[in-house]
Amino acid sequence: QVQVVESGGGLVQPGGSLRLSCATSGSSFNINAVNWYRQAPGQQRELVAAITNGGSTNYADSVKGRFTISRDNAKNTVYLQMNILQPEDTAVYYCYIYTTYDWAWHWGQGTQVTVSS
């Protein structure tokens, strides 16, 4: 069974940085495409960044220039580098991956990011 594991969340001051990681529970569950979503309390889940198998990226306007999505295929891991974090970035961040293991999308459990002084 494919399991998606996120890490790297935490508490950071405004203007700070965090790097989130997204990996699968086994090397057989290769990561093809990845979308990072976030959901703030009382808000709908929104797409933050995406990366295709070929490395093409896309970002929400609210994070362009501050967030960078990247991948390390050798480690079967995708990262979300978040810089110049603001309180409005506070949310649970979810990794949503597509794997050719079962040709399906899978959600991670989410990791909390809190931006506060």
C-alpha atoms as a PDB file:
ATOM      1  CA  GLN A   1       0.000   0.000   0.000  1.00  0.00           C
ATOM      2  CA  VAL A   2       1.373   3.377  -0.987  1.00  0.00           C
ATOM      3  CA  GLN A   3       2.028   5.684   1.906  1.00  0.00           C
ATOM      4  CA  VAL A   4       3.052   9.294   1.462  1.00  0.00           C
ATOM      5  CA  VAL A   5       5.193  10.820   4.175  1.00  0.00           C
ATOM      6  CA  GLU A   6       5.622  14.549   4.647  1.00  0.00           C
ATOM      7  CA  SER A   7       8.093  16.194   6.975  1.00  0.00           C
ATOM      8  CA  GLY A   8       9.633  19.555   7.720  1.00  0.00           C
ATOM      9  CA  GLY A   9       6.741  21.533   9.126  1.00  0.00           C
ATOM     10  CA  GLY A  10       6.984  23.603  12.265  1.00  0.00           C
ATOM     11  CA  LEU A  11       6.819  27.037  13.817  1.00  0.00           C
ATOM     12  CA  VAL A  12       8.708  29.859  12.167  1.00  0.00           C
ATOM     13  CA  GLN A  13       8.780  33.619  12.545  1.00  0.00           C
ATOM     14  CA  PRO A  14       7.559  35.893   9.750  1.00  0.00           C
ATOM     15  CA  GLY A  15      10.233  36.264   7.127  1.00  0.00           C
ATOM     16  CA  GLY A  16      11.685  32.872   7.942  1.00  0.00           C
ATOM     17  CA  SER A  17      12.055  29.729   5.868  1.00  0.00           C
ATOM     18  CA  LEU A  18      11.099  26.081   6.001  1.00  0.00           C
ATOM     19  CA  ARG A  19      11.650  23.165   3.674  1.00  0.00           C
ATOM     20  CA  LEU A  20       9.007  20.491   3.412  1.00  0.00           C
ATOM     21  CA  SER A  21       9.807  17.029   2.115  1.00  0.00           C
ATOM     22  CA  CYS A  22       7.524  14.459   0.544  1.00  0.00           C
ATOM     23  CA  ALA A  23       8.493  10.841   0.066  1.00  0.00           C
ATOM     24  CA  THR A  24       6.847   7.462  -0.217  1.00  0.00           C
ATOM     25  CA  SER A  25       7.092   4.548   2.156  1.00  0.00           C
ATOM     26  CA  GLY A  26       8.915   2.367  -0.357  1.00  0.00           C
ATOM     27  CA  SER A  27      11.285   2.824  -3.266  1.00  0.00           C
ATOM     28  CA  SER A  28       8.921   0.851  -5.509  1.00  0.00           C
ATOM     29  CA  PHE A  29       6.364   3.621  -5.129  1.00  0.00           C
ATOM     30  CA  ASN A  30       8.082   5.986  -7.495  1.00  0.00           C
ATOM     31  CA  ILE A  31       6.886   9.554  -7.461  1.00  0.00           C
ATOM     32  CA  ASN A  32       5.735  10.793 -10.840  1.00  0.00           C
ATOM     33  CA  ALA A  33       3.885  14.092 -10.448  1.00  0.00           C
ATOM     34  CA  VAL A  34       3.409  15.965  -7.191  1.00  0.00           C
ATOM     35  CA  ASN A  35       1.092  18.682  -6.019  1.00  0.00           C
ATOM     36  CA  TRP A  36       1.503  20.516  -2.739  1.00  0.00           C
ATOM     37  CA  TYR A  37      -1.750  21.773  -1.221  1.00  0.00           C
ATOM     38  CA  ARG A  38      -2.456  23.684   1.943  1.00  0.00           C
ATOM     39  CA  GLN A  39      -5.511  24.160   4.087  1.00  0.00           C
ATOM     40  CA  ALA A  40      -5.908  26.883   6.667  1.00  0.00           C
ATOM     41  CA  PRO A  41      -8.561  26.658   9.401  1.00  0.00           C
ATOM     42  CA  GLY A  42     -11.989  27.340   7.964  1.00  0.00           C
ATOM     43  CA  GLN A  43     -10.620  27.531   4.438  1.00  0.00           C
ATOM     44  CA  GLN A  44     -10.764  25.269   1.419  1.00  0.00           C
ATOM     45  CA  ARG A  45      -7.739  23.278   0.453  1.00  0.00           C
ATOM     46  CA  GLU A  46      -5.770  25.157  -2.178  1.00  0.00           C
ATOM     47  CA  LEU A  47      -3.083  24.186  -4.630  1.00  0.00           C
ATOM     48  CA  VAL A  48       0.228  25.799  -3.771  1.00  0.00           C
ATOM     49  CA  ALA A  49       2.739  24.284  -6.174  1.00  0.00           C
ATOM     50  CA  ALA A  50       3.054  21.438  -8.631  1.00  0.00           C
ATOM     51  CA  ILE A  51       5.810  19.589 -10.436  1.00  0.00           C
ATOM     52  CA  THR A  52       5.529  17.127 -13.279  1.00  0.00           C
ATOM     53  CA  ASN A  53       7.594  14.046 -13.941  1.00  0.00           C
ATOM     54  CA  GLY A  54       9.597  16.084 -16.418  1.00  0.00           C
ATOM     55  CA  GLY A  55      10.289  18.825 -13.905  1.00  0.00           C
ATOM     56  CA  SER A  56       7.858  21.469 -15.095  1.00  0.00           C
ATOM     57  CA  THR A  57       6.561  23.577 -12.236  1.00  0.00           C
ATOM     58  CA  ASN A  58       3.556  25.720 -11.472  1.00  0.00           C
ATOM     59  CA  TYR A  59       2.752  27.968  -8.508  1.00  0.00           C
ATOM     60  CA  ALA A  60      -0.167  29.768  -6.961  1.00  0.00           C
ATOM     61  CA  ASP A  61       0.121  33.510  -7.407  1.00  0.00           C
ATOM     62  CA  SER A  62       0.272  33.963  -3.637  1.00  0.00           C
ATOM     63  CA  VAL A  63       3.558  32.058  -3.361  1.00  0.00           C
ATOM     64  CA  LYS A  64       5.327  32.887  -6.617  1.00  0.00           C
ATOM     65  CA  GLY A  65       8.820  34.151  -5.979  1.00  0.00           C
ATOM     66  CA  ARG A  66       8.813  32.805  -2.411  1.00  0.00           C
ATOM     67  CA  PHE A  67       8.231  29.060  -2.750  1.00  0.00           C
ATOM     68  CA  THR A  68      10.172  26.608  -4.873  1.00  0.00           C
ATOM     69  CA  ILE A  69       9.156  23.049  -5.633  1.00  0.00           C
ATOM     70  CA  SER A  70      11.891  20.639  -6.663  1.00  0.00           C
ATOM     71  CA  ARG A  71      12.597  16.949  -6.859  1.00  0.00           C
ATOM     72  CA  ASP A  72      15.450  14.553  -6.279  1.00  0.00           C
ATOM     73  CA  ASN A  73      14.658  11.504  -8.374  1.00  0.00           C
ATOM     74  CA  ALA A  74      17.535   9.539  -6.914  1.00  0.00           C
ATOM     75  CA  LYS A  75      15.953   9.895  -3.495  1.00  0.00           C
ATOM     76  CA  ASN A  76      12.391   9.684  -4.807  1.00  0.00           C
ATOM     77  CA  THR A  77      11.647  12.834  -2.841  1.00  0.00           C
ATOM     78  CA  VAL A  78      10.018  16.145  -3.622  1.00  0.00           C
ATOM     79  CA  TYR A  79      10.700  19.333  -1.704  1.00  0.00           C
ATOM     80  CA  LEU A  80       8.880  22.576  -1.115  1.00  0.00           C
ATOM     81  CA  GLN A  81      11.267  25.334  -0.126  1.00  0.00           C
ATOM     82  CA  MET A  82       9.322  28.142   1.492  1.00  0.00           C
ATOM     83  CA  ASN A  83      10.986  31.498   1.999  1.00  0.00           C
ATOM     84  CA  ILE A  84       9.811  34.858   3.299  1.00  0.00           C
ATOM     85  CA  LEU A  85       7.019  33.110   5.134  1.00  0.00           C
ATOM     86  CA  GLN A  86       4.096  35.196   6.273  1.00  0.00           C
ATOM     87  CA  PRO A  87       1.339  34.549   8.824  1.00  0.00           C
ATOM     88  CA  GLU A  88      -1.096  33.929   5.974  1.00  0.00           C
ATOM     89  CA  ASP A  89       1.013  30.933   4.970  1.00  0.00           C
ATOM     90  CA  THR A  90      -0.041  29.206   8.177  1.00  0.00           C
ATOM     91  CA  ALA A  91      -1.826  26.005   7.233  1.00  0.00           C
ATOM     92  CA  VAL A  92      -1.576  22.257   7.087  1.00  0.00           C
ATOM     93  CA  TYR A  93       0.438  21.391   3.995  1.00  0.00           C
ATOM     94  CA  TYR A  94      -0.395  18.224   2.094  1.00  0.00           C
ATOM     95  CA  CYS A  95       1.577  16.339  -0.486  1.00  0.00           C
ATOM     96  CA  TYR A  96      -0.457  14.697  -3.245  1.00  0.00           C
ATOM     97  CA  ILE A  97       1.517  12.355  -5.422  1.00  0.00           C
ATOM     98  CA  TYR A  98       0.908  10.369  -8.568  1.00  0.00           C
ATOM     99  CA  THR A  99       2.748   7.100  -8.746  1.00  0.00           C
ATOM    100  CA  THR A 100       3.059   4.675 -11.610  1.00  0.00           C
ATOM    101  CA  TYR A 101       3.133   1.890  -9.036  1.00  0.00           C
ATOM    102  CA  ASP A 102      -0.661   1.793  -9.157  1.00  0.00           C
ATOM    103  CA  TRP A 103      -1.334   4.656 -11.573  1.00  0.00           C
ATOM    104  CA  ALA A 104      -3.157   6.600  -8.914  1.00  0.00           C
ATOM    105  CA  TRP A 105      -2.951   9.711  -6.737  1.00  0.00           C
ATOM    106  CA  HIS A 106      -2.306   9.489  -3.013  1.00  0.00           C
ATOM    107  CA  TRP A 107      -2.481  12.001  -0.186  1.00  0.00           C
ATOM    108  CA  GLY A 108      -0.029  12.428   2.616  1.00  0.00           C
ATOM    109  CA  GLN A 109      -1.133  12.965   6.189  1.00  0.00           C
ATOM    110  CA  GLY A 110      -0.227  16.648   6.205  1.00  0.00           C
ATOM    111  CA  THR A 111       2.319  18.684   8.100  1.00  0.00           C
ATOM    112  CA  GLN A 112       1.554  21.814  10.094  1.00  0.00           C
ATOM    113  CA  VAL A 113       3.260  25.070   9.201  1.00  0.00           C
ATOM    114  CA  THR A 114       2.740  27.942  11.610  1.00  0.00           C
ATOM    115  CA  VAL A 115       4.131  31.397  10.923  1.00  0.00           C
ATOM    116  CA  SER A 116       3.970  33.569  14.000  1.00  0.00           C
ATOM    117  CA  SER A 117       6.076  35.913  16.059  1.00  0.00           C
END
